[in-house]
């Protein structure tokens, strides 16, 4: 009797999977992928509805996954009867109604399904059940990307008007999560791109119905146009497709505003997606709205300088100022830009390094006061920054450097950096403009050293 027992967990799971009738294996495989990829635990009712779809093939155009011809048989399918010992039911949160959530009985089940066997099974192990484990795993194994592709296809299918009413539970899940699965699946599985393109279309009935009835949350509820969603997902191919489509119809990208009047360029800039942003701002009819986005970008404390430079390369005005008066050089200081970036901005775009913001601060003031590194400070000085310009408070860069010298306040590492910056400025002829009562910077520094000794 003992010889018939499983030799490992893998062998146990392989035995369970081996009992599935061959005609059901593709369906069960797809259901397992949906459970793996789900952004939250699926409910019993949602999994029951997945069984109603034909999961044997991956179509590239509507009707996506059609309803099974054996819908009565599919509806009666029970994942717990088909795969006993792999799942457990837990009571979900009672936010709106009672929910029975499906979970793998142990984390090793998911690990087993996501593992890959590339080497042949040694003949010495075949008698111990490893051959069966390898055989079943070869059929049922998957990846996170493949699992997301399956669940994305299921989500798109329930959005189709002809079938959506038949999936009340699954439709609610799809409304909230389809874009999560699209982010993971589209780069790896181009075979589903045609079906996705049919959905993400300004004229798509299912997309427009979803926009009106969506039940997401947060800022994503503002997104109205498919191009907004292509940017949100980060799909360069979809962005280019929708841009070409809009251009053929004479639609200006500046007119594609969401409910808070943001364009796709705004979202791409905030996300820091260089590839998507390059596709958007390369279009000549994106310049006007791009200028507004560039101004907003400079308003950020520490924007991505690669994106700032991309805007400049696409024709943005290097003298643009944000709403608070900051310019490109200030943005570089806030971002602790590298020396090569600062040299590039000065040499290629003639950036003024002695420009003032609305508080009279130069980029050198910002670099010193907002903890940019010594390399950044030195690069601004090498580019011609004047170390003796004062802001509206009468303070020079050396005054701000002196304020940062206390290790008791900021920690020793930052104090060492502040001392290095102070020394760099002093060597370049920077002066102090604010008097310190009862002490000076040298005595403060000496006392701190004596305390540490």
Protein backbone atom coordinates (compact mmCIF):
# COMPACT_ATOMS: atom_id res chain seq x y z
CA UNK A 1 0.00 0.00 0.00
CA UNK A 2 2.80 2.42 0.85
CA UNK A 3 4.27 2.06 -2.63
CA UNK A 4 1.17 3.69 -4.12
CA UNK A 5 1.50 6.86 -2.07
CA UNK A 6 2.77 10.03 -3.80
CA UNK A 7 6.50 10.51 -3.48
CA UNK A 8 6.35 14.33 -3.39
CA UNK A 9 3.98 17.28 -3.56
CA UNK A 10 4.61 17.51 -7.30
CA UNK A 11 3.62 13.88 -7.67
CA UNK A 12 0.48 14.56 -5.61
CA UNK A 13 -0.59 17.45 -7.84
CA UNK A 14 0.24 15.47 -10.97
CA UNK A 15 -2.02 12.63 -9.85
CA UNK A 16 -4.91 15.04 -9.32
CA UNK A 17 -4.43 16.64 -12.74
CA UNK A 18 -4.04 13.25 -14.43
CA UNK A 19 -7.59 12.33 -13.41
CA UNK A 20 -9.10 15.16 -15.48
CA UNK A 21 -10.80 13.93 -18.63
CA UNK A 22 -8.77 14.95 -21.72
CA UNK A 23 -11.73 16.87 -23.19
CA UNK A 24 -11.82 19.09 -20.10
CA UNK A 25 -8.11 19.70 -19.71
CA UNK A 26 -7.90 22.90 -21.78
CA UNK A 27 -10.85 24.40 -19.92
CA UNK A 28 -9.42 23.44 -16.53
CA UNK A 29 -6.02 24.80 -17.57
CA UNK A 30 -7.59 28.16 -18.46
CA UNK A 31 -9.51 28.28 -15.18
CA UNK A 32 -6.29 27.59 -13.26
CA UNK A 33 -4.62 30.44 -15.15
CA UNK A 34 -7.48 32.79 -14.23
CA UNK A 35 -7.11 31.90 -10.56
CA UNK A 36 -3.36 32.52 -10.72
CA UNK A 37 -3.61 35.87 -12.53
CA UNK A 38 -6.62 37.33 -10.70
CA UNK A 39 -5.95 40.66 -8.99
CA UNK A 40 -8.05 39.45 -6.08
CA UNK A 41 -9.39 35.99 -5.14
CA UNK A 42 -12.10 34.92 -7.56
CA UNK A 43 -15.43 33.83 -6.16
CA UNK A 44 -17.15 30.51 -6.71
CA UNK A 45 -19.76 32.21 -8.91
CA UNK A 46 -17.11 33.94 -11.04
CA UNK A 47 -15.25 30.69 -11.66
CA UNK A 48 -18.55 29.00 -12.50
CA UNK A 49 -19.15 31.62 -15.18
CA UNK A 50 -15.68 31.10 -16.68
CA UNK A 51 -16.71 27.50 -17.38
CA UNK A 52 -19.48 28.86 -19.63
CA UNK A 53 -16.91 30.14 -22.16
CA UNK A 54 -15.26 28.11 -24.90
CA UNK A 55 -11.67 28.11 -23.69
CA UNK A 56 -10.18 25.74 -26.26
CA UNK A 57 -8.78 28.42 -28.60
CA UNK A 58 -7.59 32.00 -28.45
CA UNK A 59 -9.44 33.95 -31.16
CA UNK A 60 -8.09 37.21 -32.53
CA UNK A 61 -11.38 38.94 -33.22
CA UNK A 62 -14.94 39.05 -31.83
CA UNK A 63 -16.82 37.18 -30.53
CA UNK A 64 -13.65 36.48 -28.56
CA UNK A 65 -14.52 33.47 -26.41
CA UNK A 66 -18.02 32.28 -27.36
CA UNK A 67 -20.43 30.66 -24.96
CA UNK A 68 -19.99 26.90 -24.84
CA UNK A 69 -22.31 24.79 -26.99
CA UNK A 70 -22.64 22.57 -23.93
CA UNK A 71 -23.58 25.41 -21.60
CA UNK A 72 -25.71 23.22 -19.34
CA UNK A 73 -22.85 20.78 -18.89
CA UNK A 74 -20.37 23.63 -18.44
CA UNK A 75 -22.58 25.32 -15.88
CA UNK A 76 -22.69 22.15 -13.84
CA UNK A 77 -18.89 21.82 -13.89
CA UNK A 78 -17.42 22.12 -10.44
CA UNK A 79 -13.77 22.99 -9.97
CA UNK A 80 -13.79 21.26 -6.59
CA UNK A 81 -15.06 18.00 -8.06
CA UNK A 82 -12.66 18.17 -10.99
CA UNK A 83 -9.64 19.02 -8.86
CA UNK A 84 -10.26 17.76 -5.33
CA UNK A 85 -7.50 18.67 -2.92
CA UNK A 86 -6.20 21.74 -4.79
CA UNK A 87 -8.61 24.40 -3.53
CA UNK A 88 -10.32 25.68 -0.45
CA UNK A 89 -13.20 28.11 0.03
CA UNK A 90 -12.90 31.08 2.37
CA UNK A 91 -15.47 33.69 3.28
CA UNK A 92 -14.62 36.95 1.59
CA UNK A 93 -15.14 40.48 2.96
CA UNK A 94 -18.76 41.48 3.47
CA UNK A 95 -18.52 44.90 1.86
CA UNK A 96 -21.73 44.50 -0.09
CA UNK A 97 -22.71 40.88 0.07
CA UNK A 98 -21.53 37.49 1.20
CA UNK A 99 -18.80 36.06 -1.04
CA UNK A 100 -17.22 32.64 -1.21
CA UNK A 101 -13.64 33.07 -2.41
CA UNK A 102 -11.56 30.33 -4.00
CA UNK A 103 -7.96 29.89 -2.86
CA UNK A 104 -5.29 27.31 -3.60
CA UNK A 105 -5.10 25.01 -0.62
CA UNK A 106 -1.35 25.64 -0.37
CA UNK A 107 1.08 28.08 -1.98
CA UNK A 108 3.00 25.17 -3.52
CA UNK A 109 0.09 24.52 -5.91
CA UNK A 110 0.70 27.82 -7.66
CA UNK A 111 4.47 27.29 -7.56
CA UNK A 112 3.94 23.91 -9.23
CA UNK A 113 1.81 25.38 -12.02
CA UNK A 114 4.28 28.23 -12.62
CA UNK A 115 7.40 26.02 -12.62
CA UNK A 116 9.16 24.87 -15.77
CA UNK A 117 10.77 21.49 -16.43
CA UNK A 118 13.34 21.80 -19.20
CA UNK A 119 15.48 18.71 -18.58
CA UNK A 120 14.27 15.15 -19.25
CA UNK A 121 13.33 13.10 -16.22
CA UNK A 122 16.10 10.62 -15.28
CA UNK A 123 14.98 7.03 -15.85
CA UNK A 124 15.92 6.16 -12.27
CA UNK A 125 13.20 8.52 -11.02
CA UNK A 126 10.42 7.47 -13.36
CA UNK A 127 9.21 4.69 -11.08
CA UNK A 128 8.82 7.17 -8.23
CA UNK A 129 6.20 9.23 -10.03
CA UNK A 130 8.48 11.98 -11.37
CA UNK A 131 7.65 11.01 -14.95
CA UNK A 132 3.95 11.60 -14.29
CA UNK A 133 4.74 14.91 -12.59
CA UNK A 134 6.78 16.02 -15.60
CA UNK A 135 4.09 14.93 -18.04
CA UNK A 136 1.30 16.78 -16.24
CA UNK A 137 3.45 19.85 -15.64
CA UNK A 138 4.39 20.00 -19.31
CA UNK A 139 0.69 20.25 -20.14
CA UNK A 140 -0.56 22.44 -17.29
CA UNK A 141 2.41 24.69 -16.65
CA UNK A 142 1.99 28.37 -17.39
CA UNK A 143 3.52 31.76 -16.63
CA UNK A 144 2.21 34.93 -15.06
CA UNK A 145 2.12 36.55 -18.51
CA UNK A 146 0.23 33.65 -20.09
CA UNK A 147 -2.20 33.54 -17.16
CA UNK A 148 -2.85 37.28 -17.54
CA UNK A 149 -3.42 36.82 -21.28
CA UNK A 150 -6.11 34.23 -20.58
CA UNK A 151 -7.86 36.37 -17.98
CA UNK A 152 -7.66 39.43 -20.24
CA UNK A 153 -9.34 37.47 -23.02
CA UNK A 154 -12.03 36.31 -20.59
CA UNK A 155 -12.55 39.94 -19.48
CA UNK A 156 -12.86 41.22 -23.05
CA UNK A 157 -15.33 38.46 -23.84
CA UNK A 158 -17.74 39.38 -21.07
CA UNK A 159 -17.70 43.01 -22.25
CA UNK A 160 -19.28 42.06 -25.55
CA UNK A 161 -22.91 43.14 -25.44
CA UNK A 162 -24.13 39.75 -26.65
CA UNK A 163 -22.72 37.90 -23.65
CA UNK A 164 -22.20 40.45 -20.87
CA UNK A 165 -25.67 39.99 -19.38
CA UNK A 166 -24.94 36.30 -18.90
CA UNK A 167 -21.96 37.00 -16.64
CA UNK A 168 -23.12 39.32 -13.84
CA UNK A 169 -20.40 38.25 -11.41
CA UNK A 170 -17.51 37.99 -13.83
CA UNK A 171 -18.44 41.28 -15.49
CA UNK A 172 -17.97 43.13 -12.21
CA UNK A 173 -14.48 41.68 -11.85
CA UNK A 174 -13.59 42.47 -15.48
CA UNK A 175 -14.67 46.10 -15.11
CA UNK A 176 -12.21 46.64 -12.31
CA UNK A 177 -9.23 44.63 -13.51
CA UNK A 178 -8.96 44.19 -17.30
CA UNK A 179 -6.26 46.87 -17.64
CA UNK A 180 -4.12 45.17 -14.97
CA UNK A 181 -4.00 42.02 -17.07
CA UNK A 182 -3.41 43.99 -20.27
CA UNK A 183 -0.23 45.52 -18.84
CA UNK A 184 1.28 42.09 -18.25
CA UNK A 185 -0.09 40.19 -21.24
CA UNK A 186 0.23 42.47 -24.28
CA UNK A 187 4.05 42.73 -24.41
CA UNK A 188 4.45 38.93 -24.33
CA UNK A 189 1.44 37.67 -26.27
CA UNK A 190 0.90 39.66 -29.50
CA UNK A 191 -1.62 37.02 -30.61
CA UNK A 192 -4.28 38.69 -28.45
CA UNK A 193 -3.49 42.19 -29.76
CA UNK A 194 -6.19 42.12 -32.51
CA UNK A 195 -8.89 41.26 -29.99
CA UNK A 196 -7.61 43.96 -27.65
CA UNK A 197 -7.45 46.51 -30.48
CA UNK A 198 -11.09 45.79 -31.31
CA UNK A 199 -12.03 46.59 -27.71
CA UNK A 200 -9.75 49.62 -27.24
CA UNK A 201 -11.33 51.62 -30.00
CA UNK A 202 -13.27 54.92 -29.91
CA UNK A 203 -16.07 53.25 -31.87
CA UNK A 204 -16.15 50.07 -29.81
CA UNK A 205 -19.58 49.46 -28.35
CA UNK A 206 -18.17 47.37 -25.53
CA UNK A 207 -15.50 49.96 -24.61
CA UNK A 208 -17.99 52.82 -24.54
CA UNK A 209 -20.41 50.74 -22.50
CA UNK A 210 -17.61 49.99 -20.06
CA UNK A 211 -16.68 53.69 -19.77
CA UNK A 212 -20.26 54.57 -18.85
CA UNK A 213 -20.67 51.75 -16.35
CA UNK A 214 -17.16 51.29 -15.00
CA UNK A 215 -16.77 50.69 -11.31
CA UNK A 216 -13.06 51.28 -10.81
CA UNK A 217 -11.60 53.71 -8.36
CA UNK A 218 -9.18 56.58 -7.94
CA UNK A 219 -7.73 58.65 -10.75
CA UNK A 220 -8.32 55.99 -13.42
CA UNK A 221 -12.03 56.81 -13.40
CA UNK A 222 -11.09 60.07 -15.14
CA UNK A 223 -9.80 58.34 -18.28
CA UNK A 224 -12.32 58.53 -21.12
CA UNK A 225 -10.57 57.96 -24.45
CA UNK A 226 -8.91 54.70 -25.57
CA UNK A 227 -5.65 56.60 -26.06
CA UNK A 228 -5.66 57.52 -22.36
CA UNK A 229 -5.94 53.83 -21.55
CA UNK A 230 -3.24 52.79 -24.01
CA UNK A 231 -0.93 55.24 -22.23
CA UNK A 232 -2.03 54.00 -18.81
CA UNK A 233 -1.30 50.41 -19.84
CA UNK A 234 2.03 51.43 -21.36
CA UNK A 235 1.44 49.77 -24.73
CA UNK A 236 3.53 51.61 -27.33
CA UNK A 237 1.96 49.64 -30.20
CA UNK A 238 -1.56 50.56 -29.10
CA UNK A 239 -0.55 54.21 -28.64
CA UNK A 240 0.83 54.36 -32.18
CA UNK A 241 -2.21 52.60 -33.62
CA UNK A 242 -4.63 55.00 -31.92
CA UNK A 243 -2.52 58.03 -32.86
CA UNK A 244 -2.56 57.01 -36.52
CA UNK A 245 -6.29 56.40 -36.32
CA UNK A 246 -6.89 59.82 -34.76
CA UNK A 247 -4.66 61.54 -37.31
CA UNK A 248 -6.56 59.96 -40.22
CA UNK A 249 -9.79 61.30 -38.77
CA UNK A 250 -8.33 64.74 -38.10
CA UNK A 251 -8.63 64.46 -34.32
CA UNK A 252 -6.14 66.63 -32.44
CA UNK A 253 -4.50 65.08 -29.42
CA UNK A 254 -5.01 68.33 -27.53
CA UNK A 255 -8.76 67.77 -27.76
CA UNK A 256 -8.57 64.37 -26.05
CA UNK A 257 -9.26 65.60 -22.54
CA UNK A 258 -10.47 63.43 -19.69
CA UNK A 259 -12.80 64.58 -16.92
CA UNK A 260 -10.00 66.54 -15.21
CA UNK A 261 -8.85 67.97 -18.57
CA UNK A 262 -5.67 65.93 -18.82
CA UNK A 263 -4.40 64.72 -22.18
CA UNK A 264 -2.61 61.43 -22.87
CA UNK A 265 0.69 63.35 -22.93
CA UNK A 266 0.08 64.48 -19.34
CA UNK A 267 -0.33 60.91 -18.14
CA UNK A 268 2.70 59.64 -20.07
CA UNK A 269 4.88 62.40 -18.62
CA UNK A 270 3.70 61.70 -15.07
CA UNK A 271 4.28 57.96 -15.52
CA UNK A 272 7.80 58.58 -16.79
CA UNK A 273 7.26 56.29 -19.77
CA UNK A 274 9.87 57.47 -22.28
CA UNK A 275 8.80 55.13 -25.10
CA UNK A 276 5.13 56.06 -24.91
CA UNK A 277 5.95 59.74 -24.52
CA UNK A 278 8.25 59.63 -27.55
CA UNK A 279 5.42 58.23 -29.64
CA UNK A 280 3.06 60.96 -28.44
CA UNK A 281 5.23 64.07 -28.72
CA UNK A 282 6.79 63.03 -32.02
CA UNK A 283 3.52 64.00 -33.64
CA UNK A 284 3.50 67.54 -35.01
CA UNK A 285 -0.05 68.17 -33.88
CA UNK A 286 0.90 67.42 -30.27
CA UNK A 287 3.03 70.53 -29.84
CA UNK A 288 0.46 72.85 -28.27
CA UNK A 289 -0.68 70.50 -25.55
CA UNK A 290 2.89 69.28 -25.15
CA UNK A 291 3.98 72.79 -24.19
CA UNK A 292 1.38 72.89 -21.43
CA UNK A 293 2.49 69.49 -20.16
CA UNK A 294 6.12 70.63 -20.23
CA UNK A 295 5.21 73.57 -18.01
CA UNK A 296 3.48 71.22 -15.56
CA UNK A 297 6.51 68.92 -15.62
CA UNK A 298 8.82 71.75 -14.56
CA UNK A 299 6.51 72.43 -11.62
CA UNK A 300 7.43 69.08 -10.05
CA UNK A 301 10.14 68.85 -7.41
CA UNK A 302 12.62 66.48 -8.98
CA UNK A 303 11.12 65.61 -12.39
CA UNK A 304 12.65 62.90 -14.55
CA UNK A 305 15.32 64.79 -16.47
CA UNK A 306 15.29 62.24 -19.29
CA UNK A 307 11.69 63.29 -19.96
CA UNK A 308 12.58 66.98 -19.69
CA UNK A 309 15.37 66.46 -22.21
CA UNK A 310 13.01 64.54 -24.52
CA UNK A 311 10.63 67.51 -24.59
CA UNK A 312 13.52 69.82 -25.42
CA UNK A 313 14.65 67.54 -28.25
CA UNK A 314 11.09 67.55 -29.62
CA UNK A 315 11.05 71.32 -29.76
CA UNK A 316 9.95 72.53 -26.33
CA UNK A 317 11.03 76.08 -25.51
CA UNK A 318 14.10 75.89 -23.20
CA UNK A 319 13.04 79.20 -21.62
CA UNK A 320 9.69 77.80 -20.50
CA UNK A 321 8.85 78.56 -16.88
CA UNK A 322 6.53 76.66 -14.58
CA UNK A 323 3.68 78.34 -12.75
CA UNK A 324 6.09 79.07 -9.86
CA UNK A 325 8.78 80.48 -12.12
CA UNK A 326 11.04 77.40 -12.22
CA UNK A 327 12.85 76.65 -15.46
CA UNK A 328 14.79 73.73 -16.88
CA UNK A 329 17.92 74.54 -14.86
CA UNK A 330 15.92 74.60 -11.61
CA UNK A 331 14.41 71.24 -12.53
CA UNK A 332 17.90 69.83 -13.01
CA UNK A 333 18.91 71.09 -9.56
CA UNK A 334 15.80 69.64 -7.89
CA UNK A 335 16.53 66.32 -9.59
CA UNK A 336 20.21 66.20 -8.58
CA UNK A 337 21.05 65.87 -12.26
CA UNK A 338 24.32 64.33 -13.32
CA UNK A 339 27.20 66.44 -14.58
CA UNK A 340 26.75 65.04 -18.09
CA UNK A 341 23.06 65.98 -18.09
CA UNK A 342 23.83 69.55 -16.99
CA UNK A 343 26.57 69.90 -19.61
CA UNK A 344 24.18 68.57 -22.26
CA UNK A 345 21.46 71.04 -21.28
CA UNK A 346 23.91 73.94 -21.44
CA UNK A 347 25.74 72.91 -24.63
CA UNK A 348 22.78 71.64 -26.67
CA UNK A 349 19.94 73.86 -25.43
CA UNK A 350 21.76 76.95 -24.14
CA UNK A 351 20.21 76.73 -20.67
CA UNK A 352 20.85 79.75 -18.43
CA UNK A 353 22.34 78.54 -15.11
CA UNK A 354 21.96 81.94 -13.41
CA UNK A 355 18.22 82.34 -13.94
CA UNK A 356 15.99 83.28 -10.97
CA UNK A 357 12.70 81.68 -9.89
CA UNK A 358 9.89 83.64 -8.23
CA UNK A 359 11.85 83.67 -4.93
CA UNK A 360 15.02 84.93 -6.55
CA UNK A 361 16.74 81.56 -6.25
CA UNK A 362 19.20 80.34 -8.85
CA UNK A 363 19.66 76.66 -9.69
CA UNK A 364 22.75 76.72 -7.46
CA UNK A 365 20.61 77.85 -4.51
CA UNK A 366 18.26 74.93 -5.19
CA UNK A 367 21.07 72.39 -5.58
CA UNK A 368 22.59 73.37 -2.23
CA UNK A 369 19.38 73.80 -0.26
CA UNK A 370 17.59 70.67 -1.52
CA UNK A 371 20.42 68.20 -0.95
CA UNK A 372 21.75 67.76 -4.46
CA UNK A 373 25.10 66.01 -4.49
CA UNK A 374 28.54 67.61 -4.73
CA UNK A 375 28.77 66.48 -8.38
CA UNK A 376 25.65 68.46 -9.28
CA UNK A 377 26.87 71.57 -7.43
CA UNK A 378 30.28 71.35 -9.09
CA UNK A 379 28.67 70.89 -12.52
CA UNK A 380 26.62 74.07 -12.15
CA UNK A 381 29.72 76.00 -11.10
CA UNK A 382 31.66 74.59 -14.07
CA UNK A 383 28.80 75.69 -16.34
CA UNK A 384 29.15 79.27 -15.13
CA UNK A 385 26.85 79.50 -12.12
CA UNK A 386 27.63 82.60 -10.02
CA UNK A 387 28.16 81.50 -6.37
CA UNK A 388 27.57 85.02 -5.04
CA UNK A 389 24.06 85.77 -6.29
CA UNK A 390 21.54 86.33 -3.48
CA UNK A 391 17.89 85.32 -3.42
CA UNK A 392 15.00 87.50 -2.25
CA UNK A 393 15.91 86.68 1.37
CA UNK A 394 19.42 88.03 0.95
CA UNK A 395 21.03 84.60 1.12
CA UNK A 396 23.71 83.16 -1.12
CA UNK A 397 24.41 79.47 -1.84
CA UNK A 398 27.13 79.42 0.85
CA UNK A 399 24.61 80.59 3.46
CA UNK A 400 22.38 77.62 2.65
CA UNK A 401 25.37 75.27 2.72
CA UNK A 402 26.26 76.52 6.20
CA UNK A 403 22.75 75.74 7.47
CA UNK A 404 23.18 72.08 6.53
CA UNK A 405 26.39 71.48 8.49
CA UNK A 406 24.95 70.11 11.75
CA UNK A 407 25.36 66.31 11.99
CA UNK A 408 23.14 66.26 15.06
CA UNK A 409 20.24 67.50 12.94
CA UNK A 410 20.72 65.64 9.66
CA UNK A 411 22.96 62.68 10.46
CA UNK A 412 26.69 62.31 9.92
CA UNK A 413 26.54 61.13 6.29
CA UNK A 414 24.59 64.17 5.15
CA UNK A 415 26.77 66.45 7.24
CA UNK A 416 29.86 65.11 5.46
CA UNK A 417 28.17 65.79 2.11
CA UNK A 418 27.21 69.29 3.27
CA UNK A 419 30.79 69.95 4.36
CA UNK A 420 32.05 68.89 0.93
CA UNK A 421 29.57 71.20 -0.79
CA UNK A 422 30.54 74.02 1.56
CA UNK A 423 34.22 73.50 0.71
CA UNK A 424 33.50 73.43 -3.04
CA UNK A 425 31.63 76.73 -2.86
CA UNK A 426 34.29 78.34 -0.68
CA UNK A 427 37.03 77.27 -3.10
CA UNK A 428 35.07 78.88 -5.95
CA UNK A 429 34.95 82.21 -4.12
CA UNK A 430 31.48 82.02 -2.58
CA UNK A 431 30.79 84.48 0.24
CA UNK A 432 28.58 84.46 3.32
CA UNK A 433 25.89 87.14 3.35
CA UNK A 434 24.16 86.33 6.64
CA UNK A 435 25.91 86.93 9.95
CA UNK A 436 25.79 84.21 12.64
CA UNK A 437 25.53 85.44 16.22
CA UNK A 438 27.90 84.10 18.90
CA UNK A 439 29.66 81.64 16.64
CA UNK A 440 30.74 80.93 13.10
CA UNK A 441 30.80 77.95 10.84
CA UNK A 442 34.38 76.97 11.70
CA UNK A 443 33.73 76.90 15.45
CA UNK A 444 30.55 74.89 14.96
CA UNK A 445 32.45 72.41 12.87
CA UNK A 446 35.30 72.17 15.41
CA UNK A 447 32.95 71.65 18.35
CA UNK A 448 31.18 68.86 16.55
CA UNK A 449 34.48 67.17 15.83
CA UNK A 450 35.58 67.48 19.48
CA UNK A 451 32.28 65.98 20.67
CA UNK A 452 32.75 62.99 18.37
CA UNK A 453 36.31 62.42 19.62
